[in-house]
Amino acid sequence: MTKLVNLRRELDFPFPINSAYRCKQHNANIGGHKKSYHLLGRAVDIRADHDRAWQIIAAAKKHGFRGIGIDQKGEGRFIHLDDRSQDHVTIFSY
């Protein structure tokens, strides 16, 4: 949460959260990965598109986020951020 707050403060715009902690049942209902970081309370999906999405992606690494997922197609565009334990950043798309 501290990493997320610091990122939002730096970028100075609202972060509408689509998803954060999920229970196993909800995660299964929405087709989430069985080992999702959302199940551990270590991930958020932020509704963002265009310039704001790029700003979040560009700044996330320096705030300690190591998993960055990008969904920028259709309705409901978002950026996924998680703090997985690894020494490199993994970027993926949905």
Protein backbone atom coordinates (compact mmCIF):
# COMPACT_ATOMS: atom_id res chain seq x y z
CA MET A 1 0.00 0.00 0.00
CA THR A 2 2.85 2.36 0.79
CA LYS A 3 4.34 1.82 -2.68
CA LEU A 4 0.97 2.54 -4.28
CA VAL A 5 0.39 5.70 -2.26
CA ASN A 6 3.89 6.98 -3.07
CA LEU A 7 3.36 6.29 -6.78
CA ARG A 8 0.02 8.11 -6.76
CA ARG A 9 1.52 11.07 -4.92
CA GLU A 10 4.32 11.34 -7.47
CA LEU A 11 1.98 11.21 -10.45
CA ASP A 12 -0.60 13.47 -8.77
CA PHE A 13 -3.78 12.09 -10.32
CA PRO A 14 -6.49 9.72 -9.01
CA PHE A 15 -6.01 5.95 -9.16
CA PRO A 16 -9.46 4.35 -9.57
CA ILE A 17 -8.93 0.77 -8.36
CA ASN A 18 -10.72 -1.95 -10.35
CA SER A 19 -9.42 -4.82 -8.25
CA ALA A 20 -7.20 -5.36 -5.23
CA TYR A 21 -7.41 -8.23 -2.73
CA ARG A 22 -9.58 -11.11 -3.97
CA CYS A 23 -10.84 -14.18 -2.17
CA LYS A 24 -10.34 -17.52 -3.97
CA GLN A 25 -14.00 -17.77 -4.98
CA HIS A 26 -14.17 -14.32 -6.54
CA ASN A 27 -10.84 -14.85 -8.27
CA ALA A 28 -12.14 -18.10 -9.79
CA ASN A 29 -15.44 -16.48 -10.79
CA ILE A 30 -13.68 -13.79 -12.82
CA GLY A 31 -11.15 -16.15 -14.39
CA GLY A 32 -8.16 -14.96 -12.36
CA HIS A 33 -4.90 -16.92 -12.30
CA LYS A 34 -4.84 -19.62 -9.60
CA LYS A 35 -1.66 -18.11 -8.14
CA SER A 36 -2.72 -14.47 -8.58
CA TYR A 37 -0.97 -11.87 -6.45
CA HIS A 38 -4.46 -10.48 -5.81
CA LEU A 39 -5.08 -13.52 -3.59
CA LEU A 40 -2.18 -12.41 -1.39
CA GLY A 41 -3.20 -8.75 -1.26
CA ARG A 42 -0.07 -7.87 -3.24
CA ALA A 43 -1.66 -6.58 -6.47
CA VAL A 44 -3.95 -3.85 -7.74
CA ASP A 45 -5.57 -3.10 -11.06
CA ILE A 46 -5.79 0.63 -11.74
CA ARG A 47 -8.28 1.93 -14.29
CA ALA A 48 -6.15 4.00 -16.65
CA ASP A 49 -5.65 4.56 -20.35
CA HIS A 50 -3.60 6.61 -22.78
CA ASP A 51 -1.16 9.05 -21.15
CA ARG A 52 -2.03 8.11 -17.58
CA ALA A 53 -1.45 4.43 -18.28
CA TRP A 54 2.00 5.19 -19.72
CA GLN A 55 2.86 7.42 -16.77
CA ILE A 56 1.95 4.64 -14.31
CA ILE A 57 4.00 2.08 -16.23
CA ALA A 58 7.03 4.39 -16.47
CA ALA A 59 7.07 5.22 -12.75
CA ALA A 60 6.04 1.84 -11.27
CA LYS A 61 9.48 0.21 -11.36
CA LYS A 62 11.18 2.86 -9.23
CA HIS A 63 8.44 2.42 -6.60
CA GLY A 64 9.17 -1.30 -6.25
CA PHE A 65 6.54 -2.88 -8.47
CA ARG A 66 7.99 -5.94 -10.23
CA GLY A 67 4.89 -7.18 -12.05
CA ILE A 68 3.26 -4.83 -14.57
CA GLY A 69 0.30 -6.03 -16.58
CA ILE A 70 -1.19 -3.98 -19.38
CA ASP A 71 -4.76 -4.18 -20.69
CA GLN A 72 -5.35 -1.31 -23.09
CA LYS A 73 -7.98 -2.68 -25.42
CA GLY A 74 -11.73 -2.12 -25.45
CA GLU A 75 -13.67 -1.06 -22.40
CA GLY A 76 -12.28 -1.39 -18.88
CA ARG A 77 -8.65 -0.59 -19.67
CA PHE A 78 -6.29 -0.96 -16.72
CA ILE A 79 -2.75 -1.35 -15.47
CA HIS A 80 -1.97 -4.23 -13.09
CA LEU A 81 0.79 -3.68 -10.52
CA ASP A 82 2.19 -6.22 -8.09
CA ASP A 83 5.21 -6.48 -5.82
CA ARG A 84 6.34 -10.02 -6.66
CA SER A 85 9.65 -11.03 -5.11
CA GLN A 86 12.21 -10.94 -7.89
CA ASP A 87 15.07 -8.73 -8.93
CA HIS A 88 13.70 -7.85 -12.36
CA VAL A 89 10.47 -6.42 -13.74
CA THR A 90 8.06 -8.68 -15.59
CA ILE A 91 5.79 -6.89 -18.06
CA PHE A 92 2.86 -8.74 -19.58
CA SER A 93 -0.33 -7.97 -21.48
CA TYR A 94 -3.85 -9.34 -21.26
